[in-house]
Amino acid sequence: MKLVTVAGPPSSGKTSIILKLIESMNSSKNRVGVVKFDCLTSFDNQRYEEAVIPVQTGFSGKICPDHYFVSNIEDVVQWGVQSGLEMLITESAGLCNRCSPYINGILSVCVIDNLSGVKTPRKIGPMLKLADIVVVTKGDIVSQAEREVFAFNIKQVNSLAKIVFVNGITGQGAFMLAKYLQAAHEIQTLRDMKLRFTTPAAVCSYCTGETKIGESYQMGMMKKMELKKI
């Protein structure tokens, strides 16, 4: 089974891109499934079910979404293998720019919104920097010059990634993305494989349920700002 990880900022169009991607792959009759990792709630599973796509949804709740992803990804892969899927796509929640659910040797896709600001690619961390493919959405709303500047800023951050402009409404560009996904490796398990980047580090009193503010309530791994005098 081939595994592809898809990540991206909130409301960048990840679900729409995946739906159009799978639709464009129908000619080869692949069996493609999706696992959606989210934080609190999600209605994307309804869209996948309407498209008759096998889907599973998991909610991290109070747990860090990246830690939740790592803790469950092997079980997810085994579900896909046992279900007889030819390709499994994992979709992360719209997380902070620090998060990066990418694995060495597994094709990784970052979806980013062309309307988010021309400087946005420089603000995103490993989620963009370590992606194999960067999918740009909503490029039809801006001018050609703006698309080129946005793509240039992506290349400044990740010079090795392939950049694909995909329209989540019409599906334009999804066929090219499907071609790139053919390079994904087939796997049976992720056991002993490594993440491309470390998960966010946070083991502190607030992680375990503390709600009071003040240094006397702060324990564990904390980080303080250095405030300069005026």
C-alpha atoms as a PDB file:
ATOM      1  CA  MET A   1       0.000   0.000   0.000  1.00  0.00           C
ATOM      2  CA  LYS A   2       1.188   3.497  -0.800  1.00  0.00           C
ATOM      3  CA  LEU A   3       1.039   6.089   1.992  1.00  0.00           C
ATOM      4  CA  VAL A   4       0.811   9.855   1.461  1.00  0.00           C
ATOM      5  CA  THR A   5       0.720  12.460   4.244  1.00  0.00           C
ATOM      6  CA  VAL A   6      -1.087  15.747   3.638  1.00  0.00           C
ATOM      7  CA  ALA A   7      -0.706  18.733   5.958  1.00  0.00           C
ATOM      8  CA  GLY A   8      -1.390  22.454   5.819  1.00  0.00           C
ATOM      9  CA  PRO A   9      -2.651  25.519   7.686  1.00  0.00           C
ATOM     10  CA  PRO A  10      -6.351  25.811   8.632  1.00  0.00           C
ATOM     11  CA  SER A  11      -8.851  26.260   5.779  1.00  0.00           C
ATOM     12  CA  SER A  12      -6.180  25.958   3.104  1.00  0.00           C
ATOM     13  CA  GLY A  13      -8.315  23.485   1.154  1.00  0.00           C
ATOM     14  CA  LYS A  14      -6.792  20.111   2.090  1.00  0.00           C
ATOM     15  CA  THR A  15     -10.038  18.121   1.979  1.00  0.00           C
ATOM     16  CA  SER A  16     -11.159  19.629  -1.330  1.00  0.00           C
ATOM     17  CA  ILE A  17      -7.770  18.881  -2.879  1.00  0.00           C
ATOM     18  CA  ILE A  18      -7.838  15.262  -1.691  1.00  0.00           C
ATOM     19  CA  LEU A  19     -11.350  14.768  -3.069  1.00  0.00           C
ATOM     20  CA  LYS A  20     -10.384  16.170  -6.476  1.00  0.00           C
ATOM     21  CA  LEU A  21      -7.164  14.156  -6.396  1.00  0.00           C
ATOM     22  CA  ILE A  22      -8.978  10.864  -5.793  1.00  0.00           C
ATOM     23  CA  GLU A  23     -11.539  11.783  -8.452  1.00  0.00           C
ATOM     24  CA  SER A  24      -8.764  12.271 -10.996  1.00  0.00           C
ATOM     25  CA  MET A  25      -7.321   8.857 -10.118  1.00  0.00           C
ATOM     26  CA  ASN A  26     -10.542   6.988 -10.978  1.00  0.00           C
ATOM     27  CA  SER A  27      -9.271   6.070 -14.424  1.00  0.00           C
ATOM     28  CA  SER A  28      -6.770   3.627 -12.866  1.00  0.00           C
ATOM     29  CA  LYS A  29      -9.448   2.297 -10.469  1.00  0.00           C
ATOM     30  CA  ASN A  30      -7.231   2.618  -7.416  1.00  0.00           C
ATOM     31  CA  ARG A  31      -8.682   1.819  -4.039  1.00  0.00           C
ATOM     32  CA  VAL A  32      -7.886   4.935  -2.036  1.00  0.00           C
ATOM     33  CA  GLY A  33      -8.770   5.566   1.608  1.00  0.00           C
ATOM     34  CA  VAL A  34      -8.417   8.599   3.862  1.00  0.00           C
ATOM     35  CA  VAL A  35      -7.729   9.017   7.571  1.00  0.00           C
ATOM     36  CA  LYS A  36      -8.489  12.464   8.969  1.00  0.00           C
ATOM     37  CA  PHE A  37      -6.639  13.595  12.091  1.00  0.00           C
ATOM     38  CA  ASP A  38      -8.404  16.525  13.765  1.00  0.00           C
ATOM     39  CA  CYS A  39      -8.473  18.252  17.130  1.00  0.00           C
ATOM     40  CA  LEU A  40     -12.026  18.700  18.403  1.00  0.00           C
ATOM     41  CA  THR A  41     -14.551  18.090  15.663  1.00  0.00           C
ATOM     42  CA  SER A  42     -14.763  17.548  11.921  1.00  0.00           C
ATOM     43  CA  PHE A  43     -17.396  17.238   9.228  1.00  0.00           C
ATOM     44  CA  ASP A  44     -14.977  16.306   6.457  1.00  0.00           C
ATOM     45  CA  ASN A  45     -15.753  12.607   6.909  1.00  0.00           C
ATOM     46  CA  GLN A  46     -19.250  13.332   5.556  1.00  0.00           C
ATOM     47  CA  ARG A  47     -17.757  14.659   2.327  1.00  0.00           C
ATOM     48  CA  TYR A  48     -15.606  11.542   1.941  1.00  0.00           C
ATOM     49  CA  GLU A  49     -18.546   9.246   2.693  1.00  0.00           C
ATOM     50  CA  GLU A  50     -20.675  11.054   0.094  1.00  0.00           C
ATOM     51  CA  ALA A  51     -17.904  10.373  -2.424  1.00  0.00           C
ATOM     52  CA  VAL A  52     -17.892   6.678  -1.347  1.00  0.00           C
ATOM     53  CA  ILE A  53     -14.300   6.903  -0.076  1.00  0.00           C
ATOM     54  CA  PRO A  54     -13.268   4.691   2.874  1.00  0.00           C
ATOM     55  CA  VAL A  55     -12.559   7.091   5.754  1.00  0.00           C
ATOM     56  CA  GLN A  56     -11.606   7.034   9.421  1.00  0.00           C
ATOM     57  CA  THR A  57     -11.532  10.091  11.709  1.00  0.00           C
ATOM     58  CA  GLY A  58      -9.579  10.592  14.934  1.00  0.00           C
ATOM     59  CA  PHE A  59      -9.715  13.492  17.401  1.00  0.00           C
ATOM     60  CA  SER A  60      -6.694  14.406  19.511  1.00  0.00           C
ATOM     61  CA  GLY A  61      -8.741  16.338  22.093  1.00  0.00           C
ATOM     62  CA  LYS A  62      -6.438  17.720  24.753  1.00  0.00           C
ATOM     63  CA  ILE A  63      -3.420  15.839  23.363  1.00  0.00           C
ATOM     64  CA  CYS A  64      -0.910  17.551  21.047  1.00  0.00           C
ATOM     65  CA  PRO A  65      -2.065  16.691  17.489  1.00  0.00           C
ATOM     66  CA  ASP A  66       1.455  15.751  16.389  1.00  0.00           C
ATOM     67  CA  HIS A  67       1.902  13.378  19.337  1.00  0.00           C
ATOM     68  CA  TYR A  68      -1.541  11.941  18.591  1.00  0.00           C
ATOM     69  CA  PHE A  69      -0.552  11.398  14.958  1.00  0.00           C
ATOM     70  CA  VAL A  70       2.681   9.588  15.829  1.00  0.00           C
ATOM     71  CA  SER A  71       0.907   7.404  18.417  1.00  0.00           C
ATOM     72  CA  ASN A  72      -1.712   6.234  15.923  1.00  0.00           C
ATOM     73  CA  ILE A  73      -0.099   6.243  12.485  1.00  0.00           C
ATOM     74  CA  GLU A  74       1.105   2.623  12.607  1.00  0.00           C
ATOM     75  CA  ASP A  75      -2.401   1.408  13.552  1.00  0.00           C
ATOM     76  CA  VAL A  76      -3.772   3.521  10.712  1.00  0.00           C
ATOM     77  CA  VAL A  77      -1.370   1.917   8.227  1.00  0.00           C
ATOM     78  CA  GLN A  78      -2.364  -1.568   9.380  1.00  0.00           C
ATOM     79  CA  TRP A  79      -6.034  -0.637   8.935  1.00  0.00           C
ATOM     80  CA  GLY A  80      -5.302   0.410   5.373  1.00  0.00           C
ATOM     81  CA  VAL A  81      -3.316  -2.742   4.582  1.00  0.00           C
ATOM     82  CA  GLN A  82      -5.970  -5.029   6.077  1.00  0.00           C
ATOM     83  CA  SER A  83      -8.690  -3.143   4.176  1.00  0.00           C
ATOM     84  CA  GLY A  84      -6.931  -3.909   0.897  1.00  0.00           C
ATOM     85  CA  LEU A  85      -6.293  -0.271  -0.005  1.00  0.00           C
ATOM     86  CA  GLU A  86      -3.802   0.542  -2.737  1.00  0.00           C
ATOM     87  CA  MET A  87      -3.223   4.050  -1.376  1.00  0.00           C
ATOM     88  CA  LEU A  88      -3.892   5.621   2.003  1.00  0.00           C
ATOM     89  CA  ILE A  89      -3.906   9.413   2.448  1.00  0.00           C
ATOM     90  CA  THR A  90      -3.614  10.888   5.932  1.00  0.00           C
ATOM     91  CA  GLU A  91      -4.943  14.411   6.371  1.00  0.00           C
ATOM     92  CA  SER A  92      -3.783  16.399   9.379  1.00  0.00           C
ATOM     93  CA  ALA A  93      -5.841  18.986  11.170  1.00  0.00           C
ATOM     94  CA  GLY A  94      -5.271  22.650  10.332  1.00  0.00           C
ATOM     95  CA  LEU A  95      -2.436  22.924  12.798  1.00  0.00           C
ATOM     96  CA  CYS A  96       0.068  25.555  13.867  1.00  0.00           C
ATOM     97  CA  ASN A  97       2.934  26.276  11.505  1.00  0.00           C
ATOM     98  CA  ARG A  98       5.321  24.383  13.771  1.00  0.00           C
ATOM     99  CA  CYS A  99       3.671  20.985  13.306  1.00  0.00           C
ATOM    100  CA  SER A 100       4.972  18.559  10.692  1.00  0.00           C
ATOM    101  CA  PRO A 101       3.483  15.053  10.462  1.00  0.00           C
ATOM    102  CA  TYR A 102       6.023  13.903   7.870  1.00  0.00           C
ATOM    103  CA  ILE A 103       7.926  10.614   7.882  1.00  0.00           C
ATOM    104  CA  ASN A 104      11.219   9.756   6.211  1.00  0.00           C
ATOM    105  CA  GLY A 105      10.588   7.814   3.012  1.00  0.00           C
ATOM    106  CA  ILE A 106       6.865   8.692   2.909  1.00  0.00           C
ATOM    107  CA  LEU A 107       5.642  11.152   0.276  1.00  0.00           C
ATOM    108  CA  SER A 108       4.657  14.400   2.011  1.00  0.00           C
ATOM    109  CA  VAL A 109       2.344  17.103   0.673  1.00  0.00           C
ATOM    110  CA  CYS A 110       1.841  20.590   2.098  1.00  0.00           C
ATOM    111  CA  VAL A 111      -1.281  22.506   1.058  1.00  0.00           C
ATOM    112  CA  ILE A 112      -1.062  26.293   1.306  1.00  0.00           C
ATOM    113  CA  ASP A 113      -3.519  29.049   0.443  1.00  0.00           C
ATOM    114  CA  ASN A 114      -2.407  31.683  -2.107  1.00  0.00           C
ATOM    115  CA  LEU A 115      -4.610  34.238  -0.301  1.00  0.00           C
ATOM    116  CA  SER A 116      -2.829  33.798   3.031  1.00  0.00           C
ATOM    117  CA  GLY A 117      -0.253  36.473   2.264  1.00  0.00           C
ATOM    118  CA  VAL A 118       2.856  36.682   0.130  1.00  0.00           C
ATOM    119  CA  LYS A 119       5.127  36.292   3.176  1.00  0.00           C
ATOM    120  CA  THR A 120       3.272  33.269   4.570  1.00  0.00           C
ATOM    121  CA  PRO A 121       5.669  30.639   3.136  1.00  0.00           C
ATOM    122  CA  ARG A 122       8.475  32.214   5.163  1.00  0.00           C
ATOM    123  CA  LYS A 123       6.384  31.965   8.342  1.00  0.00           C
ATOM    124  CA  ILE A 124       5.715  28.251   8.049  1.00  0.00           C
ATOM    125  CA  GLY A 125       8.239  25.889   9.593  1.00  0.00           C
ATOM    126  CA  PRO A 126       9.001  22.225   8.806  1.00  0.00           C
ATOM    127  CA  MET A 127       5.470  21.638   7.537  1.00  0.00           C
ATOM    128  CA  LEU A 128       6.498  23.509   4.377  1.00  0.00           C
ATOM    129  CA  LYS A 129      10.286  23.264   4.500  1.00  0.00           C
ATOM    130  CA  LEU A 130      10.334  19.454   4.552  1.00  0.00           C
ATOM    131  CA  ALA A 131       7.468  18.752   2.135  1.00  0.00           C
ATOM    132  CA  ASP A 132       8.092  16.878  -1.126  1.00  0.00           C
ATOM    133  CA  ILE A 133       5.194  18.588  -2.894  1.00  0.00           C
ATOM    134  CA  VAL A 134       3.645  21.985  -2.168  1.00  0.00           C
ATOM    135  CA  VAL A 135       0.082  22.401  -3.407  1.00  0.00           C
ATOM    136  CA  VAL A 136      -1.084  26.008  -3.808  1.00  0.00           C
ATOM    137  CA  THR A 137      -4.833  26.604  -3.679  1.00  0.00           C
ATOM    138  CA  LYS A 138      -7.030  29.580  -4.632  1.00  0.00           C
ATOM    139  CA  GLY A 139      -4.483  30.732  -7.192  1.00  0.00           C
ATOM    140  CA  ASP A 140      -7.337  31.442  -9.605  1.00  0.00           C
ATOM    141  CA  ILE A 141      -8.402  34.395  -7.441  1.00  0.00           C
ATOM    142  CA  VAL A 142      -5.093  36.277  -7.741  1.00  0.00           C
ATOM    143  CA  SER A 143      -3.128  37.537 -10.734  1.00  0.00           C
ATOM    144  CA  GLN A 144      -0.413  35.615 -12.553  1.00  0.00           C
ATOM    145  CA  ALA A 145       2.212  37.958 -11.078  1.00  0.00           C
ATOM    146  CA  GLU A 146       0.980  37.248  -7.548  1.00  0.00           C
ATOM    147  CA  ARG A 147       1.105  33.502  -8.207  1.00  0.00           C
ATOM    148  CA  GLU A 148       4.688  33.766  -9.421  1.00  0.00           C
ATOM    149  CA  VAL A 149       5.777  35.830  -6.413  1.00  0.00           C
ATOM    150  CA  PHE A 150       4.077  33.368  -4.073  1.00  0.00           C
ATOM    151  CA  ALA A 151       5.794  30.425  -5.793  1.00  0.00           C
ATOM    152  CA  PHE A 152       9.136  32.269  -5.566  1.00  0.00           C
ATOM    153  CA  ASN A 153       8.704  32.663  -1.800  1.00  0.00           C
ATOM    154  CA  ILE A 154       7.944  28.953  -1.519  1.00  0.00           C
ATOM    155  CA  LYS A 155      11.151  28.139  -3.418  1.00  0.00           C
ATOM    156  CA  GLN A 156      13.094  30.408  -1.060  1.00  0.00           C
ATOM    157  CA  VAL A 157      11.959  28.193   1.813  1.00  0.00           C
ATOM    158  CA  ASN A 158      11.956  24.798   0.078  1.00  0.00           C
ATOM    159  CA  SER A 159      13.971  24.751  -3.121  1.00  0.00           C
ATOM    160  CA  LEU A 160      13.547  20.997  -3.716  1.00  0.00           C
ATOM    161  CA  ALA A 161       9.755  20.734  -3.512  1.00  0.00           C
ATOM    162  CA  LYS A 162       7.552  20.423  -6.579  1.00  0.00           C
ATOM    163  CA  ILE A 163       4.962  23.230  -6.681  1.00  0.00           C
ATOM    164  CA  VAL A 164       1.514  22.441  -8.069  1.00  0.00           C
ATOM    165  CA  PHE A 165      -1.373  24.902  -8.375  1.00  0.00           C
ATOM    166  CA  VAL A 166      -4.666  23.077  -7.853  1.00  0.00           C
ATOM    167  CA  ASN A 167      -8.200  24.470  -7.933  1.00  0.00           C
ATOM    168  CA  GLY A 168     -10.226  22.777  -5.199  1.00  0.00           C
ATOM    169  CA  ILE A 169     -13.521  23.637  -6.921  1.00  0.00           C
ATOM    170  CA  THR A 170     -12.886  22.685 -10.540  1.00  0.00           C
ATOM    171  CA  GLY A 171     -10.095  20.187  -9.910  1.00  0.00           C
ATOM    172  CA  GLN A 172      -7.724  21.877 -12.369  1.00  0.00           C
ATOM    173  CA  GLY A 173      -4.187  20.709 -11.598  1.00  0.00           C
ATOM    174  CA  ALA A 174      -5.287  17.591  -9.685  1.00  0.00           C
ATOM    175  CA  PHE A 175      -4.236  15.289 -12.543  1.00  0.00           C
ATOM    176  CA  MET A 176      -0.666  16.594 -12.364  1.00  0.00           C
ATOM    177  CA  LEU A 177      -0.680  16.080  -8.594  1.00  0.00           C
ATOM    178  CA  ALA A 178      -1.885  12.497  -9.113  1.00  0.00           C
ATOM    179  CA  LYS A 179       1.067  11.928 -11.450  1.00  0.00           C
ATOM    180  CA  TYR A 180       3.493  13.041  -8.752  1.00  0.00           C
ATOM    181  CA  LEU A 181       1.832  10.764  -6.196  1.00  0.00           C
ATOM    182  CA  GLN A 182       2.729   7.747  -8.307  1.00  0.00           C
ATOM    183  CA  ALA A 183       6.250   8.151  -6.893  1.00  0.00           C
ATOM    184  CA  ALA A 184       5.026   7.198  -3.408  1.00  0.00           C
ATOM    185  CA  HIS A 185       6.683   4.073  -2.004  1.00  0.00           C
ATOM    186  CA  GLU A 186       4.728   0.968  -1.114  1.00  0.00           C
ATOM    187  CA  ILE A 187       4.948  -0.088   2.527  1.00  0.00           C
ATOM    188  CA  GLN A 188       3.646  -2.770   4.872  1.00  0.00           C
ATOM    189  CA  THR A 189       4.519  -1.050   8.146  1.00  0.00           C
ATOM    190  CA  LEU A 190       6.030   2.147   9.582  1.00  0.00           C
ATOM    191  CA  ARG A 191       7.674   0.366  12.512  1.00  0.00           C
ATOM    192  CA  ASP A 192      11.204   1.704  13.230  1.00  0.00           C
ATOM    193  CA  MET A 193      10.828   4.480  10.634  1.00  0.00           C
ATOM    194  CA  LYS A 194      11.558   8.053  11.739  1.00  0.00           C
ATOM    195  CA  LEU A 195       9.814  11.415  11.595  1.00  0.00           C
ATOM    196  CA  ARG A 196      11.456  14.067   9.442  1.00  0.00           C
ATOM    197  CA  PHE A 197      11.315  16.561  12.300  1.00  0.00           C
ATOM    198  CA  THR A 198      10.760  16.392  16.035  1.00  0.00           C
ATOM    199  CA  THR A 199       7.283  16.927  17.454  1.00  0.00           C
ATOM    200  CA  PRO A 200       6.602  20.052  19.561  1.00  0.00           C
ATOM    201  CA  ALA A 201       8.242  19.679  22.984  1.00  0.00           C
ATOM    202  CA  ALA A 202       5.924  20.395  25.900  1.00  0.00           C
ATOM    203  CA  VAL A 203       5.836  18.400  29.129  1.00  0.00           C
ATOM    204  CA  CYS A 204       4.712  20.890  31.741  1.00  0.00           C
ATOM    205  CA  SER A 205       2.111  21.442  34.443  1.00  0.00           C
ATOM    206  CA  TYR A 206      -0.323  22.932  31.905  1.00  0.00           C
ATOM    207  CA  CYS A 207      -0.067  19.736  29.832  1.00  0.00           C
ATOM    208  CA  THR A 208      -1.393  17.782  32.804  1.00  0.00           C
ATOM    209  CA  GLY A 209      -4.375  20.040  33.469  1.00  0.00           C
ATOM    210  CA  GLU A 210      -3.110  23.045  35.440  1.00  0.00           C
ATOM    211  CA  THR A 211      -5.118  26.213  34.749  1.00  0.00           C
ATOM    212  CA  LYS A 212      -3.761  28.722  37.279  1.00  0.00           C
ATOM    213  CA  ILE A 213      -1.368  31.437  36.104  1.00  0.00           C
ATOM    214  CA  GLY A 214       1.878  32.237  37.901  1.00  0.00           C
ATOM    215  CA  GLU A 215       5.433  30.943  38.233  1.00  0.00           C
ATOM    216  CA  SER A 216       4.566  28.884  41.300  1.00  0.00           C
ATOM    217  CA  TYR A 217       2.245  26.787  39.126  1.00  0.00           C
ATOM    218  CA  GLN A 218       4.707  26.358  36.241  1.00  0.00           C
ATOM    219  CA  MET A 219       6.742  23.156  36.226  1.00  0.00           C
ATOM    220  CA  GLY A 220       8.432  21.026  33.624  1.00  0.00           C
ATOM    221  CA  MET A 221       9.536  22.221  30.195  1.00  0.00           C
ATOM    222  CA  MET A 222       8.782  25.935  29.999  1.00  0.00           C
ATOM    223  CA  LYS A 223      10.020  28.765  27.777  1.00  0.00           C
ATOM    224  CA  LYS A 224      10.102  32.403  28.817  1.00  0.00           C
ATOM    225  CA  MET A 225      10.257  35.521  26.673  1.00  0.00           C
ATOM    226  CA  GLU A 226      13.211  37.872  27.023  1.00  0.00           C
ATOM    227  CA  LEU A 227      11.591  41.276  27.537  1.00  0.00           C
ATOM    228  CA  LYS A 228      13.865  44.247  26.887  1.00  0.00           C
ATOM    229  CA  LYS A 229      13.625  47.394  28.935  1.00  0.00           C
ATOM    230  CA  ILE A 230      12.161  50.459  27.209  1.00  0.00           C
END
